[in-house]
Amino acid sequence: MDDQELNFAREILQGRSAREVSDDEVLREAERLLSGWMNGQLRMERPKLYDHYALLLSALLRKVASLEARVAELEEGEES
């Protein structure tokens, strides 16, 4: 395990703005970081980890909304 504490959002964004990073990339990197943190392989800046959950939650909310729209379209197609 590296002794360096990683900043959750900074690791995901890599110097880009949140608008420049796709939701899929946010979700993939968040899963990698959180899994590493929970398994004791990565150290995270704990206050920052909680502060930057907004990045992950925003991506998840957009993904859920997209999936809900797709399900609604499929259900409408079945009713026709």
C-alpha atoms as a PDB file:
ATOM      1  CA  MET A   1       0.000   0.000   0.000  1.00  0.00           C
ATOM      2  CA  ASP A   2       1.245   3.449  -0.900  1.00  0.00           C
ATOM      3  CA  ASP A   3       1.440   5.857   2.051  1.00  0.00           C
ATOM      4  CA  GLN A   4       0.272   8.758  -0.117  1.00  0.00           C
ATOM      5  CA  GLU A   5      -3.295   9.857   0.621  1.00  0.00           C
ATOM      6  CA  LEU A   6      -5.234  10.311  -2.596  1.00  0.00           C
ATOM      7  CA  ASN A   7      -7.801  13.027  -3.202  1.00  0.00           C
ATOM      8  CA  PHE A   8     -10.931  11.280  -4.519  1.00  0.00           C
ATOM      9  CA  ALA A   9     -12.106  13.921  -6.994  1.00  0.00           C
ATOM     10  CA  ARG A  10      -8.624  14.958  -8.100  1.00  0.00           C
ATOM     11  CA  GLU A  11      -7.784  11.336  -8.967  1.00  0.00           C
ATOM     12  CA  ILE A  12     -10.933  11.019 -11.068  1.00  0.00           C
ATOM     13  CA  LEU A  13     -10.765  14.415 -12.761  1.00  0.00           C
ATOM     14  CA  GLN A  14      -7.009  14.398 -13.486  1.00  0.00           C
ATOM     15  CA  GLY A  15      -6.935  18.191 -13.875  1.00  0.00           C
ATOM     16  CA  ARG A  16     -10.087  18.341 -16.032  1.00  0.00           C
ATOM     17  CA  SER A  17     -13.376  19.992 -15.160  1.00  0.00           C
ATOM     18  CA  ALA A  18     -16.255  17.733 -14.132  1.00  0.00           C
ATOM     19  CA  ARG A  19     -17.984  18.507 -17.445  1.00  0.00           C
ATOM     20  CA  GLU A  20     -15.041  17.034 -19.355  1.00  0.00           C
ATOM     21  CA  VAL A  21     -15.220  13.621 -17.677  1.00  0.00           C
ATOM     22  CA  SER A  22     -17.882  11.159 -18.818  1.00  0.00           C
ATOM     23  CA  ASP A  23     -20.188   9.557 -16.293  1.00  0.00           C
ATOM     24  CA  ASP A  24     -18.857   6.134 -17.302  1.00  0.00           C
ATOM     25  CA  GLU A  25     -15.307   7.242 -16.500  1.00  0.00           C
ATOM     26  CA  VAL A  26     -16.391   8.739 -13.170  1.00  0.00           C
ATOM     27  CA  LEU A  27     -18.156   5.502 -12.225  1.00  0.00           C
ATOM     28  CA  ARG A  28     -15.246   3.302 -13.336  1.00  0.00           C
ATOM     29  CA  GLU A  29     -12.631   5.358 -11.495  1.00  0.00           C
ATOM     30  CA  ALA A  30     -14.805   5.781  -8.395  1.00  0.00           C
ATOM     31  CA  GLU A  31     -15.271   2.018  -8.223  1.00  0.00           C
ATOM     32  CA  ARG A  32     -11.515   1.498  -8.565  1.00  0.00           C
ATOM     33  CA  LEU A  33     -10.694   4.055  -5.881  1.00  0.00           C
ATOM     34  CA  LEU A  34     -13.389   3.013  -3.427  1.00  0.00           C
ATOM     35  CA  SER A  35     -12.583  -0.688  -3.854  1.00  0.00           C
ATOM     36  CA  GLY A  36      -8.899   0.004  -3.277  1.00  0.00           C
ATOM     37  CA  TRP A  37      -9.731   2.112  -0.230  1.00  0.00           C
ATOM     38  CA  MET A  38     -12.065  -0.520   1.281  1.00  0.00           C
ATOM     39  CA  ASN A  39      -9.504  -3.289   0.642  1.00  0.00           C
ATOM     40  CA  GLY A  40      -6.758  -1.272   2.318  1.00  0.00           C
ATOM     41  CA  GLN A  41      -4.743  -0.923  -0.905  1.00  0.00           C
ATOM     42  CA  LEU A  42      -5.239   2.843  -1.216  1.00  0.00           C
ATOM     43  CA  ARG A  43      -5.276   5.633   1.311  1.00  0.00           C
ATOM     44  CA  MET A  44      -7.743   8.419   0.723  1.00  0.00           C
ATOM     45  CA  GLU A  45      -7.922  11.918   2.200  1.00  0.00           C
ATOM     46  CA  ARG A  46     -10.840  11.115   4.446  1.00  0.00           C
ATOM     47  CA  PRO A  47     -12.425  14.566   4.701  1.00  0.00           C
ATOM     48  CA  LYS A  48     -12.046  14.973   0.938  1.00  0.00           C
ATOM     49  CA  LEU A  49     -13.544  11.554   0.265  1.00  0.00           C
ATOM     50  CA  TYR A  50     -16.788  12.632   1.892  1.00  0.00           C
ATOM     51  CA  ASP A  51     -16.727  16.111   0.339  1.00  0.00           C
ATOM     52  CA  HIS A  52     -16.332  14.745  -3.174  1.00  0.00           C
ATOM     53  CA  TYR A  53     -19.051  12.115  -3.129  1.00  0.00           C
ATOM     54  CA  ALA A  54     -21.069  14.689  -5.118  1.00  0.00           C
ATOM     55  CA  LEU A  55     -19.037  13.814  -8.217  1.00  0.00           C
ATOM     56  CA  LEU A  56     -19.954  10.136  -7.939  1.00  0.00           C
ATOM     57  CA  LEU A  57     -23.560  10.766  -6.912  1.00  0.00           C
ATOM     58  CA  SER A  58     -24.124  13.133  -9.840  1.00  0.00           C
ATOM     59  CA  ALA A  59     -22.846  10.511 -12.292  1.00  0.00           C
ATOM     60  CA  LEU A  60     -25.023   7.833 -10.697  1.00  0.00           C
ATOM     61  CA  LEU A  61     -28.118  10.033 -10.782  1.00  0.00           C
ATOM     62  CA  ARG A  62     -27.609  10.824 -14.471  1.00  0.00           C
ATOM     63  CA  LYS A  63     -27.041   7.128 -15.229  1.00  0.00           C
ATOM     64  CA  VAL A  64     -30.216   6.128 -13.357  1.00  0.00           C
ATOM     65  CA  ALA A  65     -32.248   8.790 -15.168  1.00  0.00           C
ATOM     66  CA  SER A  66     -30.904   7.551 -18.516  1.00  0.00           C
ATOM     67  CA  LEU A  67     -31.730   3.943 -17.667  1.00  0.00           C
ATOM     68  CA  GLU A  68     -35.212   4.887 -16.479  1.00  0.00           C
ATOM     69  CA  ALA A  69     -35.851   6.679 -19.780  1.00  0.00           C
ATOM     70  CA  ARG A  70     -34.680   3.616 -21.728  1.00  0.00           C
ATOM     71  CA  VAL A  71     -36.917   1.306 -19.685  1.00  0.00           C
ATOM     72  CA  ALA A  72     -39.890   3.626 -20.241  1.00  0.00           C
ATOM     73  CA  GLU A  73     -39.237   3.556 -24.010  1.00  0.00           C
ATOM     74  CA  LEU A  74     -39.065  -0.247 -23.982  1.00  0.00           C
ATOM     75  CA  GLU A  75     -42.258  -0.508 -21.965  1.00  0.00           C
ATOM     76  CA  GLU A  76     -44.044   1.859 -24.354  1.00  0.00           C
ATOM     77  CA  GLY A  77     -42.886  -0.293 -27.273  1.00  0.00           C
ATOM     78  CA  GLU A  78     -44.334  -3.418 -25.650  1.00  0.00           C
ATOM     79  CA  GLU A  79     -47.716  -1.755 -25.162  1.00  0.00           C
ATOM     80  CA  SER A  80     -48.032  -0.853 -28.846  1.00  0.00           C
END
